[in-house]
């Protein structure tokens, strides 16, 4: 069957451009969705759409330059090549969200993947686990390049079934260890426990350093690190 058609420049651009966005669509399912959903903002979504349009244009230009090609399927394949290389290069330089370390075995362990629990009004005044605030430039950069912030780690000295128990431990830490400010964080997602946090929104290196300093100062040896789960 002869698939060669008398295609106009616009049609060749369109077929190749559609091929150009295929690597991005596949990347969205495998990688980029995690980055976008971690903190959804209008600017990050807009920059991602600009990225898609840019790759569509690159693929289209490749097809337009191959004026002798009249097969829509081959034009589609030609359009994939350059955007695929660009997407692979972006993924190679991307700082992905690290895997959450396994929490130590505790009498009250902190599981975050269980069923969601409704939060009560008593937690309204407590701190919450949130991503670090981003500037407009950082939001655009995350949407366009798929990069994630590095300061997403927390150092946790204990987790408790009740808010009162967590506040009691936090007060003891603030009283006995003045160099380690402690705060109680509300349950996160499906985790029903209250966390006593002594370091928030740190890089992995800084979080490990603080963890070791805390243990050396007399904190429980099961003081551990936590970061947002992979989506």
N, C-alpha and C. Protein backbone atom coordinates (compact mmCIF):
# COMPACT_ATOMS: atom_id res chain seq x y z
N UNK A 1 0.84 -1.19 0.00
CA UNK A 1 0.00 0.00 0.00
C UNK A 1 0.88 1.25 0.00
N UNK A 2 0.61 2.16 -0.91
CA UNK A 2 1.41 3.37 -1.03
C UNK A 2 0.87 4.44 -0.08
N UNK A 3 1.70 4.80 0.90
CA UNK A 3 1.29 5.81 1.89
C UNK A 3 1.81 7.19 1.56
N UNK A 4 2.53 7.31 0.43
CA UNK A 4 3.05 8.61 0.05
C UNK A 4 1.91 9.49 -0.47
N UNK A 5 1.74 10.65 0.11
CA UNK A 5 0.67 11.56 -0.26
C UNK A 5 1.25 12.89 -0.69
N UNK A 6 0.46 13.65 -1.35
CA UNK A 6 0.88 14.99 -1.75
C UNK A 6 0.59 15.93 -0.58
N UNK A 7 1.53 15.99 0.37
CA UNK A 7 1.32 16.76 1.60
C UNK A 7 1.85 18.17 1.45
N UNK A 8 1.14 19.10 2.02
CA UNK A 8 1.61 20.48 2.06
C UNK A 8 2.65 20.65 3.17
N UNK A 9 3.31 21.80 3.18
CA UNK A 9 4.29 22.08 4.24
C UNK A 9 3.61 22.05 5.61
N UNK A 10 2.42 22.58 5.70
CA UNK A 10 1.69 22.61 6.96
C UNK A 10 1.37 21.20 7.45
N UNK A 11 0.97 20.33 6.53
CA UNK A 11 0.64 18.96 6.90
C UNK A 11 1.88 18.19 7.36
N UNK A 12 2.99 18.40 6.64
CA UNK A 12 4.23 17.73 7.07
C UNK A 12 4.65 18.23 8.44
N UNK A 13 4.50 19.53 8.69
CA UNK A 13 4.82 20.10 10.00
C UNK A 13 3.92 19.47 11.07
N UNK A 14 2.64 19.29 10.78
CA UNK A 14 1.70 18.75 11.74
C UNK A 14 2.02 17.30 12.09
N UNK A 15 2.26 16.45 11.07
CA UNK A 15 2.56 15.05 11.34
C UNK A 15 3.84 14.90 12.17
N UNK A 16 4.87 15.64 11.80
CA UNK A 16 6.13 15.55 12.54
C UNK A 16 5.99 16.17 13.92
N UNK A 17 5.19 17.24 14.03
CA UNK A 17 4.98 17.86 15.34
C UNK A 17 4.28 16.93 16.30
N UNK A 18 3.32 16.16 15.80
CA UNK A 18 2.64 15.18 16.66
C UNK A 18 3.63 14.12 17.16
N UNK A 19 4.54 13.73 16.28
CA UNK A 19 5.59 12.82 16.73
C UNK A 19 6.49 13.45 17.77
N UNK A 20 6.69 14.77 17.65
CA UNK A 20 7.56 15.48 18.58
C UNK A 20 7.05 15.51 20.00
N UNK A 21 5.72 15.47 20.19
CA UNK A 21 5.20 15.53 21.55
C UNK A 21 5.03 14.14 22.18
N UNK A 22 5.23 13.08 21.40
CA UNK A 22 5.06 11.74 21.95
C UNK A 22 6.03 11.44 23.10
N UNK A 23 7.34 11.77 22.97
CA UNK A 23 8.24 11.52 24.11
C UNK A 23 7.80 12.25 25.37
N UNK A 24 7.25 13.47 25.21
CA UNK A 24 6.80 14.24 26.36
C UNK A 24 5.59 13.58 27.01
N UNK A 25 4.65 13.09 26.21
CA UNK A 25 3.47 12.43 26.76
C UNK A 25 3.85 11.17 27.52
N UNK A 26 4.77 10.40 26.97
CA UNK A 26 5.23 9.20 27.67
C UNK A 26 5.98 9.57 28.94
N UNK A 27 6.78 10.64 28.85
CA UNK A 27 7.53 11.10 30.01
C UNK A 27 6.60 11.59 31.12
N UNK A 28 5.47 12.19 30.72
CA UNK A 28 4.50 12.67 31.69
C UNK A 28 3.97 11.51 32.53
N UNK A 29 3.68 10.39 31.89
CA UNK A 29 3.14 9.24 32.60
C UNK A 29 4.18 8.62 33.53
N UNK A 30 5.41 8.53 33.05
CA UNK A 30 6.45 7.80 33.79
C UNK A 30 7.14 8.67 34.83
N UNK A 31 7.41 9.94 34.51
CA UNK A 31 8.26 10.77 35.36
C UNK A 31 7.62 12.09 35.75
N UNK A 32 7.19 12.87 34.76
CA UNK A 32 6.82 14.26 35.01
C UNK A 32 5.58 14.43 35.88
N UNK A 33 4.68 13.45 35.88
CA UNK A 33 3.45 13.59 36.65
C UNK A 33 3.77 13.75 38.14
N UNK A 34 4.79 13.04 38.60
CA UNK A 34 5.23 13.16 40.00
C UNK A 34 5.63 14.58 40.32
N UNK A 35 6.39 15.20 39.39
CA UNK A 35 6.88 16.55 39.61
C UNK A 35 5.75 17.57 39.62
N UNK A 36 4.81 17.42 38.69
CA UNK A 36 3.73 18.39 38.59
C UNK A 36 2.76 18.28 39.75
N UNK A 37 2.42 17.05 40.16
CA UNK A 37 1.42 16.87 41.20
C UNK A 37 1.97 17.14 42.59
N UNK A 38 3.29 17.18 42.72
CA UNK A 38 3.87 17.42 44.04
C UNK A 38 3.45 18.79 44.57
N UNK A 39 3.36 19.77 43.69
CA UNK A 39 2.89 21.10 44.07
C UNK A 39 2.31 21.75 42.82
N UNK A 40 1.00 21.66 42.67
CA UNK A 40 0.35 22.13 41.45
C UNK A 40 0.15 23.65 41.54
N UNK A 41 0.74 24.37 40.60
CA UNK A 41 0.55 25.81 40.50
C UNK A 41 0.25 26.15 39.04
N UNK A 42 -0.41 27.28 38.84
CA UNK A 42 -0.75 27.69 37.48
C UNK A 42 0.51 27.91 36.64
N UNK A 43 1.56 28.45 37.27
CA UNK A 43 2.77 28.75 36.52
C UNK A 43 3.51 27.47 36.12
N UNK A 44 3.54 26.47 37.00
CA UNK A 44 4.21 25.22 36.66
C UNK A 44 3.48 24.49 35.53
N UNK A 45 2.15 24.52 35.55
CA UNK A 45 1.37 23.91 34.48
C UNK A 45 1.59 24.67 33.17
N UNK A 46 1.59 26.00 33.24
CA UNK A 46 1.80 26.81 32.04
C UNK A 46 3.16 26.54 31.43
N UNK A 47 4.19 26.47 32.27
CA UNK A 47 5.53 26.23 31.74
C UNK A 47 5.65 24.84 31.13
N UNK A 48 4.90 23.87 31.70
CA UNK A 48 4.92 22.53 31.11
C UNK A 48 4.27 22.55 29.73
N UNK A 49 3.17 23.28 29.59
CA UNK A 49 2.51 23.40 28.30
C UNK A 49 3.42 24.09 27.28
N UNK A 50 4.18 25.08 27.73
CA UNK A 50 5.14 25.75 26.85
C UNK A 50 6.19 24.74 26.38
N UNK A 51 6.62 23.88 27.28
CA UNK A 51 7.58 22.84 26.93
C UNK A 51 7.00 21.92 25.85
N UNK A 52 5.74 21.51 26.02
CA UNK A 52 5.09 20.64 25.04
C UNK A 52 5.02 21.33 23.68
N UNK A 53 4.63 22.60 23.66
CA UNK A 53 4.53 23.35 22.41
C UNK A 53 5.90 23.51 21.76
N UNK A 54 6.93 23.72 22.58
CA UNK A 54 8.28 23.87 22.04
C UNK A 54 8.74 22.58 21.37
N UNK A 55 8.48 21.44 22.00
CA UNK A 55 8.88 20.17 21.40
C UNK A 55 8.04 19.85 20.17
N UNK A 56 6.77 20.26 20.19
CA UNK A 56 5.93 20.10 19.00
C UNK A 56 6.53 20.89 17.84
N UNK A 57 6.97 22.12 18.13
CA UNK A 57 7.56 22.96 17.09
C UNK A 57 8.86 22.37 16.57
N UNK A 58 9.68 21.83 17.47
CA UNK A 58 10.95 21.23 17.04
C UNK A 58 10.71 20.05 16.13
N UNK A 59 9.78 19.17 16.56
CA UNK A 59 9.46 18.03 15.71
C UNK A 59 8.89 18.47 14.37
N UNK A 60 8.04 19.50 14.39
CA UNK A 60 7.46 20.00 13.15
C UNK A 60 8.49 20.56 12.20
N UNK A 61 9.46 21.28 12.74
CA UNK A 61 10.52 21.85 11.91
C UNK A 61 11.33 20.74 11.24
N UNK A 62 11.61 19.67 11.99
CA UNK A 62 12.34 18.54 11.41
C UNK A 62 11.58 17.96 10.22
N UNK A 63 10.26 17.79 10.39
CA UNK A 63 9.46 17.28 9.28
C UNK A 63 9.39 18.26 8.13
N UNK A 64 9.32 19.54 8.42
CA UNK A 64 9.25 20.57 7.38
C UNK A 64 10.54 20.61 6.57
N UNK A 65 11.67 20.41 7.25
CA UNK A 65 12.96 20.43 6.55
C UNK A 65 13.13 19.23 5.62
N UNK A 66 12.49 18.11 5.94
CA UNK A 66 12.56 16.92 5.08
C UNK A 66 11.48 17.02 4.00
N UNK A 67 11.70 17.90 3.06
CA UNK A 67 10.69 18.21 2.06
C UNK A 67 10.40 17.04 1.13
N UNK A 68 11.36 16.14 0.98
CA UNK A 68 11.16 15.03 0.06
C UNK A 68 10.31 13.91 0.67
N UNK A 69 10.12 13.96 1.98
CA UNK A 69 9.37 12.90 2.66
C UNK A 69 7.87 13.18 2.57
N UNK A 70 7.12 12.19 2.08
CA UNK A 70 5.67 12.34 1.89
C UNK A 70 4.88 11.29 2.66
N UNK A 71 5.55 10.43 3.38
CA UNK A 71 4.87 9.38 4.12
C UNK A 71 4.53 9.91 5.52
N UNK A 72 3.25 10.01 5.90
CA UNK A 72 2.88 10.55 7.23
C UNK A 72 3.51 9.77 8.38
N UNK A 73 3.61 8.45 8.24
CA UNK A 73 4.18 7.63 9.31
C UNK A 73 5.65 7.95 9.49
N UNK A 74 6.38 8.06 8.40
CA UNK A 74 7.80 8.38 8.49
C UNK A 74 8.01 9.80 9.01
N UNK A 75 7.13 10.71 8.62
CA UNK A 75 7.22 12.07 9.15
C UNK A 75 7.00 12.07 10.66
N UNK A 76 6.04 11.26 11.12
CA UNK A 76 5.78 11.12 12.57
C UNK A 76 7.03 10.60 13.28
N UNK A 77 7.67 9.60 12.67
CA UNK A 77 8.89 9.03 13.27
C UNK A 77 10.03 10.02 13.26
N UNK A 78 10.15 10.79 12.17
CA UNK A 78 11.20 11.82 12.11
C UNK A 78 11.00 12.87 13.20
N UNK A 79 9.75 13.21 13.45
CA UNK A 79 9.46 14.22 14.46
C UNK A 79 9.80 13.78 15.86
N UNK A 80 9.83 12.47 16.11
CA UNK A 80 10.11 11.95 17.46
C UNK A 80 11.57 12.14 17.84
N UNK A 81 12.49 12.02 16.88
CA UNK A 81 13.92 11.88 17.18
C UNK A 81 14.49 13.02 18.02
N UNK A 82 14.41 14.26 17.53
CA UNK A 82 15.04 15.38 18.25
C UNK A 82 14.40 15.63 19.61
N UNK A 83 13.05 15.70 19.72
CA UNK A 83 12.44 15.88 21.04
C UNK A 83 12.78 14.75 22.01
N UNK A 84 12.93 13.53 21.49
CA UNK A 84 13.29 12.41 22.37
C UNK A 84 14.67 12.62 22.97
N UNK A 85 15.61 13.11 22.16
CA UNK A 85 16.96 13.38 22.67
C UNK A 85 16.93 14.50 23.71
N UNK A 86 16.15 15.55 23.44
CA UNK A 86 16.04 16.66 24.38
C UNK A 86 15.42 16.21 25.69
N UNK A 87 14.35 15.39 25.61
CA UNK A 87 13.69 14.88 26.82
C UNK A 87 14.63 14.00 27.62
N UNK A 88 15.41 13.16 26.93
CA UNK A 88 16.37 12.30 27.62
C UNK A 88 17.42 13.12 28.34
N UNK A 89 17.87 14.21 27.69
CA UNK A 89 18.87 15.08 28.33
C UNK A 89 18.30 15.75 29.56
N UNK A 90 17.03 16.18 29.49
CA UNK A 90 16.38 16.79 30.66
C UNK A 90 16.28 15.80 31.80
N UNK A 91 15.90 14.56 31.48
CA UNK A 91 15.77 13.54 32.52
C UNK A 91 17.12 13.21 33.15
N UNK A 92 18.18 13.28 32.34
CA UNK A 92 19.52 12.99 32.87
C UNK A 92 19.97 14.00 33.89
N UNK A 93 19.54 15.25 33.73
CA UNK A 93 19.93 16.30 34.68
C UNK A 93 18.90 16.57 35.74
N UNK A 94 17.87 15.77 35.77
CA UNK A 94 16.77 16.00 36.70
C UNK A 94 17.09 15.46 38.08
N UNK A 95 16.82 16.25 39.10
CA UNK A 95 16.96 15.81 40.49
C UNK A 95 15.62 15.25 40.92
N UNK A 96 15.53 13.94 41.04
CA UNK A 96 14.26 13.32 41.36
C UNK A 96 14.02 13.32 42.86
N UNK A 97 12.78 13.19 43.20
CA UNK A 97 12.43 13.10 44.61
C UNK A 97 12.98 11.82 45.19
N UNK A 98 13.78 11.88 46.24
CA UNK A 98 14.40 10.67 46.78
C UNK A 98 13.37 9.73 47.38
N UNK A 99 13.71 8.44 47.37
CA UNK A 99 12.85 7.46 48.02
C UNK A 99 12.83 7.72 49.52
N UNK A 100 11.68 7.55 50.11
CA UNK A 100 11.55 7.75 51.54
C UNK A 100 12.28 6.64 52.28
N UNK A 101 13.16 6.97 53.21
CA UNK A 101 13.83 5.92 53.97
C UNK A 101 12.84 5.16 54.84
N UNK A 102 13.12 3.93 55.07
CA UNK A 102 12.25 3.14 55.93
C UNK A 102 12.36 3.61 57.37
N UNK A 103 11.23 3.89 57.95
CA UNK A 103 11.23 4.35 59.33
C UNK A 103 11.67 3.22 60.25
N UNK A 104 12.39 3.52 61.30
CA UNK A 104 12.82 2.48 62.22
C UNK A 104 11.64 1.84 62.91
N UNK A 105 11.85 0.64 63.39
CA UNK A 105 10.79 -0.06 64.11
C UNK A 105 10.55 0.63 65.44
N UNK A 106 9.35 1.16 65.60
CA UNK A 106 8.99 1.85 66.83
C UNK A 106 7.67 1.28 67.33
N UNK A 107 7.42 1.50 68.58
CA UNK A 107 6.13 1.07 69.11
C UNK A 107 5.00 1.78 68.40
N UNK A 108 5.25 3.03 68.08
CA UNK A 108 4.31 3.80 67.25
C UNK A 108 5.06 4.18 65.99
N UNK A 109 4.94 3.40 64.94
CA UNK A 109 5.65 3.68 63.69
C UNK A 109 4.83 4.65 62.86
N UNK A 110 5.49 5.27 61.89
CA UNK A 110 4.83 6.29 61.10
C UNK A 110 4.60 5.77 59.70
N UNK A 111 3.45 5.22 59.43
CA UNK A 111 3.13 4.71 58.11
C UNK A 111 2.35 5.77 57.36
N UNK A 112 2.72 6.04 56.12
CA UNK A 112 2.07 7.11 55.37
C UNK A 112 1.27 6.60 54.19
N UNK A 113 1.24 5.30 53.98
CA UNK A 113 0.57 4.79 52.80
C UNK A 113 -0.76 4.11 53.12
N UNK A 114 -1.26 4.24 54.33
CA UNK A 114 -2.50 3.60 54.71
C UNK A 114 -3.69 4.46 54.31
N UNK A 115 -4.89 4.03 54.71
CA UNK A 115 -6.10 4.76 54.37
C UNK A 115 -6.05 6.18 54.96
N UNK A 116 -6.67 7.13 54.29
CA UNK A 116 -6.67 8.52 54.75
C UNK A 116 -7.55 8.67 55.98
N UNK A 117 -7.08 9.48 56.90
CA UNK A 117 -7.83 9.74 58.13
C UNK A 117 -8.29 11.18 58.12
N UNK A 118 -9.50 11.41 58.54
CA UNK A 118 -10.00 12.79 58.65
C UNK A 118 -9.28 13.48 59.79
N UNK A 119 -8.87 14.72 59.54
CA UNK A 119 -8.15 15.45 60.56
C UNK A 119 -9.14 16.28 61.38
N UNK A 120 -8.90 16.32 62.67
CA UNK A 120 -9.81 17.02 63.57
C UNK A 120 -9.40 18.47 63.69
N UNK A 121 -10.28 19.26 64.30
CA UNK A 121 -10.03 20.69 64.44
C UNK A 121 -8.87 20.99 65.38
N UNK A 122 -8.50 20.02 66.22
CA UNK A 122 -7.41 20.26 67.17
C UNK A 122 -6.07 20.41 66.46
N UNK A 123 -6.00 20.02 65.22
CA UNK A 123 -4.73 20.11 64.49
C UNK A 123 -4.60 21.41 63.71
N UNK A 124 -5.62 22.26 63.76
CA UNK A 124 -5.61 23.46 62.93
C UNK A 124 -4.45 24.38 63.25
N UNK A 125 -4.03 24.43 64.50
CA UNK A 125 -2.95 25.35 64.89
C UNK A 125 -1.57 24.71 64.77
N UNK A 126 -1.51 23.45 64.40
CA UNK A 126 -0.23 22.77 64.31
C UNK A 126 0.44 23.03 62.97
N UNK A 127 1.75 22.81 62.94
CA UNK A 127 2.48 22.91 61.68
C UNK A 127 2.14 21.70 60.82
N UNK A 128 2.36 21.86 59.52
CA UNK A 128 2.04 20.78 58.59
C UNK A 128 3.20 20.53 57.65
N UNK A 129 3.27 19.31 57.18
CA UNK A 129 4.30 18.96 56.22
C UNK A 129 3.95 19.57 54.86
N UNK A 130 4.79 20.47 54.39
CA UNK A 130 4.55 21.14 53.12
C UNK A 130 5.86 21.21 52.34
N UNK A 131 5.72 21.35 51.05
CA UNK A 131 6.88 21.59 50.21
C UNK A 131 7.40 22.99 50.47
N UNK A 132 8.70 23.23 50.25
CA UNK A 132 9.23 24.59 50.42
C UNK A 132 8.58 25.54 49.43
N UNK A 133 8.40 26.77 49.83
CA UNK A 133 7.80 27.77 48.94
C UNK A 133 8.73 28.03 47.75
N UNK A 134 8.11 28.19 46.59
CA UNK A 134 8.86 28.42 45.37
C UNK A 134 8.62 29.84 44.86
N UNK A 135 9.66 30.42 44.28
CA UNK A 135 9.50 31.69 43.59
C UNK A 135 8.84 31.41 42.23
N UNK A 136 8.42 32.47 41.56
CA UNK A 136 7.83 32.30 40.23
C UNK A 136 8.80 31.64 39.27
N UNK A 137 10.06 32.01 39.37
CA UNK A 137 11.08 31.43 38.49
C UNK A 137 11.23 29.93 38.78
N UNK A 138 11.24 29.56 40.06
CA UNK A 138 11.38 28.15 40.42
C UNK A 138 10.18 27.33 39.96
N UNK A 139 8.98 27.88 40.04
CA UNK A 139 7.79 27.18 39.56
C UNK A 139 7.87 26.95 38.05
N UNK A 140 8.29 27.98 37.32
CA UNK A 140 8.43 27.84 35.87
C UNK A 140 9.49 26.80 35.54
N UNK A 141 10.60 26.86 36.24
CA UNK A 141 11.71 25.94 36.01
C UNK A 141 11.28 24.50 36.27
N UNK A 142 10.49 24.29 37.33
CA UNK A 142 10.03 22.93 37.65
C UNK A 142 9.10 22.40 36.57
N UNK A 143 8.19 23.26 36.09
CA UNK A 143 7.27 22.80 35.06
C UNK A 143 7.96 22.54 33.73
N UNK A 144 8.94 23.38 33.39
CA UNK A 144 9.59 23.26 32.08
C UNK A 144 10.63 22.15 32.05
N UNK A 145 11.46 22.09 33.09
CA UNK A 145 12.57 21.14 33.10
C UNK A 145 12.29 19.90 33.95
N UNK A 146 11.26 19.94 34.79
CA UNK A 146 10.94 18.77 35.60
C UNK A 146 11.84 18.59 36.80
N UNK A 147 12.48 19.65 37.27
CA UNK A 147 13.37 19.54 38.42
C UNK A 147 12.58 19.72 39.71
N UNK A 148 13.09 19.14 40.77
CA UNK A 148 12.43 19.21 42.07
C UNK A 148 13.35 19.87 43.09
N UNK A 149 12.80 20.53 44.09
CA UNK A 149 13.64 21.12 45.14
C UNK A 149 14.35 20.03 45.94
N UNK A 150 15.50 20.38 46.47
CA UNK A 150 16.28 19.41 47.25
C UNK A 150 15.94 19.46 48.74
N UNK A 151 15.44 20.59 49.21
CA UNK A 151 15.19 20.74 50.65
C UNK A 151 13.79 20.23 51.01
N UNK A 152 13.65 18.91 50.93
CA UNK A 152 12.35 18.26 51.18
C UNK A 152 12.45 17.23 52.31
N UNK A 153 13.48 17.34 53.15
CA UNK A 153 13.69 16.35 54.21
C UNK A 153 13.35 16.93 55.58
N UNK A 154 12.86 16.05 56.46
CA UNK A 154 12.50 16.41 57.83
C UNK A 154 13.19 15.43 58.78
N UNK A 155 13.60 15.93 59.93
CA UNK A 155 14.20 15.08 60.97
C UNK A 155 13.18 14.92 62.08
N UNK A 156 12.83 13.68 62.38
CA UNK A 156 11.73 13.40 63.31
C UNK A 156 12.27 12.66 64.54
N UNK A 157 12.01 13.24 65.70
CA UNK A 157 12.49 12.66 66.95
C UNK A 157 11.48 11.69 67.56
N UNK A 158 10.23 11.73 67.12
CA UNK A 158 9.23 10.82 67.67
C UNK A 158 7.88 11.02 67.01
N UNK A 159 7.06 9.99 67.07
CA UNK A 159 5.69 10.08 66.55
C UNK A 159 4.75 9.49 67.59
N UNK A 160 3.59 10.12 67.74
CA UNK A 160 2.70 9.78 68.85
C UNK A 160 1.25 9.66 68.38
N UNK A 161 0.51 8.85 69.11
CA UNK A 161 -0.89 8.64 68.75
C UNK A 161 -1.77 9.81 69.13
N UNK A 162 -1.31 10.64 70.10
CA UNK A 162 -2.10 11.78 70.54
C UNK A 162 -1.29 13.06 70.42
N UNK A 163 -1.99 14.15 70.23
CA UNK A 163 -1.34 15.45 70.14
C UNK A 163 -0.70 15.82 71.47
N UNK A 164 -1.36 15.47 72.57
CA UNK A 164 -0.83 15.81 73.89
C UNK A 164 0.54 15.16 74.14
N UNK A 165 0.68 13.89 73.76
CA UNK A 165 1.95 13.20 73.97
C UNK A 165 3.05 13.82 73.12
N UNK A 166 2.70 14.20 71.89
CA UNK A 166 3.69 14.83 71.02
C UNK A 166 4.12 16.19 71.57
N UNK A 167 3.18 16.97 72.06
CA UNK A 167 3.51 18.28 72.62
C UNK A 167 4.37 18.14 73.88
N UNK A 168 4.10 17.11 74.65
CA UNK A 168 4.91 16.88 75.85
C UNK A 168 6.37 16.60 75.47
N UNK A 169 6.59 15.74 74.47
CA UNK A 169 7.96 15.46 74.04
C UNK A 169 8.61 16.72 73.47
N UNK A 170 7.85 17.49 72.71
CA UNK A 170 8.41 18.72 72.13
C UNK A 170 8.83 19.70 73.22
N UNK A 171 8.03 19.82 74.27
CA UNK A 171 8.39 20.71 75.38
C UNK A 171 9.65 20.23 76.08
N UNK A 172 9.77 18.93 76.28
CA UNK A 172 10.97 18.38 76.92
C UNK A 172 12.21 18.66 76.10
N UNK A 173 12.07 18.53 74.78
CA UNK A 173 13.23 18.79 73.92
C UNK A 173 13.61 20.27 73.99
N UNK A 174 12.64 21.16 73.90
CA UNK A 174 12.94 22.58 73.96
C UNK A 174 13.54 22.99 75.30
N UNK A 175 13.16 22.26 76.35
CA UNK A 175 13.67 22.57 77.69
C UNK A 175 15.08 22.03 77.90
N UNK A 176 15.34 20.82 77.40
CA UNK A 176 16.61 20.16 77.66
C UNK A 176 17.65 20.36 76.57
N UNK A 177 17.19 20.65 75.36
CA UNK A 177 18.10 20.80 74.22
C UNK A 177 17.76 22.10 73.48
N UNK A 178 18.31 23.18 73.94
CA UNK A 178 17.93 24.48 73.38
C UNK A 178 18.41 24.67 71.96
N UNK A 179 19.41 23.91 71.54
CA UNK A 179 19.90 24.04 70.17
C UNK A 179 19.05 23.25 69.18
N UNK A 180 18.03 22.55 69.68
CA UNK A 180 17.19 21.74 68.82
C UNK A 180 15.73 22.16 69.00
N UNK A 181 15.30 23.18 68.30
CA UNK A 181 13.89 23.60 68.41
C UNK A 181 12.98 22.50 67.89
N UNK A 182 12.00 22.13 68.69
CA UNK A 182 11.09 21.05 68.32
C UNK A 182 9.69 21.61 68.11
N UNK A 183 9.00 21.05 67.13
CA UNK A 183 7.64 21.47 66.84
C UNK A 183 6.80 20.24 66.53
N UNK A 184 5.52 20.33 66.88
CA UNK A 184 4.59 19.23 66.61
C UNK A 184 3.93 19.46 65.27
N UNK A 185 3.95 18.42 64.43
CA UNK A 185 3.33 18.49 63.11
C UNK A 185 2.08 17.63 63.07
N UNK A 186 1.08 18.13 62.39
CA UNK A 186 -0.19 17.41 62.27
C UNK A 186 -0.01 16.16 61.42
N UNK A 187 -0.88 15.17 61.60
CA UNK A 187 -0.83 13.97 60.75
C UNK A 187 -0.85 14.33 59.28
N UNK A 188 -0.08 13.58 58.51
CA UNK A 188 0.05 13.85 57.08
C UNK A 188 -0.58 12.73 56.26
N UNK A 189 -1.51 13.10 55.37
CA UNK A 189 -2.10 12.12 54.47
C UNK A 189 -2.76 10.98 55.23
N UNK A 190 -2.34 9.76 54.97
CA UNK A 190 -2.91 8.61 55.63
C UNK A 190 -2.24 8.26 56.95
N UNK A 191 -1.30 9.09 57.37
CA UNK A 191 -0.60 8.83 58.63
C UNK A 191 -1.39 9.43 59.79
N UNK A 192 -1.84 8.63 60.78
CA UNK A 192 -2.67 9.15 61.86
C UNK A 192 -1.87 9.71 63.04
N UNK A 193 -0.53 9.68 62.98
CA UNK A 193 0.28 10.04 64.13
C UNK A 193 0.80 11.48 64.06
N UNK A 194 1.03 12.04 65.24
CA UNK A 194 1.59 13.38 65.38
C UNK A 194 3.11 13.26 65.47
N UNK A 195 3.81 14.07 64.70
CA UNK A 195 5.27 13.98 64.65
C UNK A 195 5.92 15.12 65.40
N UNK A 196 7.03 14.80 66.07
CA UNK A 196 7.85 15.81 66.73
C UNK A 196 9.05 16.05 65.83
N UNK A 197 9.07 17.20 65.19
CA UNK A 197 10.07 17.51 64.16
C UNK A 197 11.11 18.46 64.74
N UNK A 198 12.38 18.13 64.54
CA UNK A 198 13.46 19.00 65.02
C UNK A 198 14.22 19.65 63.86
N UNK A 199 13.84 19.33 62.64
CA UNK A 199 14.45 19.95 61.46
C UNK A 199 13.51 19.81 60.28
N UNK A 200 13.21 20.92 59.61
CA UNK A 200 12.22 20.89 58.54
C UNK A 200 12.77 21.49 57.26
N UNK A 201 12.35 20.93 56.13
CA UNK A 201 12.70 21.42 54.79
C UNK A 201 14.21 21.58 54.65
N UNK A 202 14.91 20.48 54.87
CA UNK A 202 16.36 20.45 54.77
C UNK A 202 16.78 19.64 53.55
N UNK A 203 18.01 19.86 53.11
CA UNK A 203 18.59 18.97 52.11
C UNK A 203 18.92 17.64 52.79
N UNK A 204 19.12 16.61 52.00
CA UNK A 204 19.42 15.30 52.59
C UNK A 204 20.70 15.35 53.41
N UNK A 205 21.71 16.04 52.91
CA UNK A 205 22.98 16.14 53.64
C UNK A 205 22.80 16.85 54.97
N UNK A 206 22.07 17.96 54.96
CA UNK A 206 21.86 18.71 56.20
C UNK A 206 20.99 17.91 57.18
N UNK A 207 20.02 17.17 56.65
CA UNK A 207 19.15 16.37 57.51
C UNK A 207 19.94 15.25 58.19
N UNK A 208 20.83 14.59 57.44
CA UNK A 208 21.66 13.53 58.03
C UNK A 208 22.58 14.10 59.11
N UNK A 209 23.13 15.28 58.82
CA UNK A 209 24.02 15.91 59.79
C UNK A 209 23.27 16.25 61.08
N UNK A 210 22.08 16.81 60.94
CA UNK A 210 21.28 17.15 62.12
C UNK A 210 20.87 15.90 62.87
N UNK A 211 20.54 14.85 62.17
CA UNK A 211 20.17 13.59 62.82
C UNK A 211 21.31 13.06 63.67
N UNK A 212 22.52 13.07 63.14
CA UNK A 212 23.67 12.58 63.89
C UNK A 212 23.98 13.48 65.08
N UNK A 213 23.85 14.78 64.90
CA UNK A 213 24.08 15.71 66.02
C UNK A 213 23.07 15.47 67.13
N UNK A 214 21.82 15.23 66.75
CA UNK A 214 20.78 15.01 67.75
C UNK A 214 21.03 13.72 68.52
N UNK A 215 21.37 12.66 67.82
CA UNK A 215 21.64 11.38 68.50
C UNK A 215 22.84 11.50 69.41
N UNK A 216 23.88 12.21 68.96
CA UNK A 216 25.08 12.41 69.79
C UNK A 216 24.76 13.23 71.03
N UNK A 217 23.76 14.10 70.93
CA UNK A 217 23.38 14.96 72.06
C UNK A 217 22.48 14.25 73.06
N UNK A 218 22.04 13.05 72.72
CA UNK A 218 21.21 12.30 73.65
C UNK A 218 19.80 11.99 73.18
N UNK A 219 19.48 12.33 71.94
CA UNK A 219 18.16 12.00 71.40
C UNK A 219 18.04 10.48 71.19
N UNK A 220 16.83 9.98 71.09
CA UNK A 220 16.66 8.55 70.81
C UNK A 220 17.42 8.13 69.55
N UNK A 221 17.98 6.93 69.58
CA UNK A 221 18.76 6.46 68.44
C UNK A 221 17.89 6.19 67.22
N UNK A 222 16.58 6.08 67.43
CA UNK A 222 15.70 5.85 66.29
C UNK A 222 15.14 7.17 65.73
N UNK A 223 15.77 8.30 66.09
CA UNK A 223 15.44 9.56 65.41
C UNK A 223 15.71 9.37 63.92
N UNK A 224 14.75 9.68 63.09
CA UNK A 224 14.89 9.29 61.68
C UNK A 224 14.53 10.43 60.73
N UNK A 225 14.81 10.16 59.46
CA UNK A 225 14.55 11.13 58.40
C UNK A 225 13.28 10.75 57.66
N UNK A 226 12.61 11.78 57.16
CA UNK A 226 11.39 11.53 56.38
C UNK A 226 11.34 12.52 55.24
N UNK A 227 10.83 12.07 54.09
CA UNK A 227 10.58 12.98 52.98
C UNK A 227 9.26 12.58 52.34
N UNK A 228 8.76 13.41 51.45
CA UNK A 228 7.48 13.14 50.83
C UNK A 228 7.53 11.86 50.00
N UNK A 229 6.49 11.08 50.05
CA UNK A 229 6.51 9.80 49.32
C UNK A 229 6.48 10.00 47.83
N UNK A 230 7.03 9.01 47.10
CA UNK A 230 6.90 9.01 45.65
C UNK A 230 5.44 8.87 45.28
N UNK A 231 5.01 9.62 44.29
CA UNK A 231 3.61 9.53 43.85
C UNK A 231 3.51 8.47 42.77
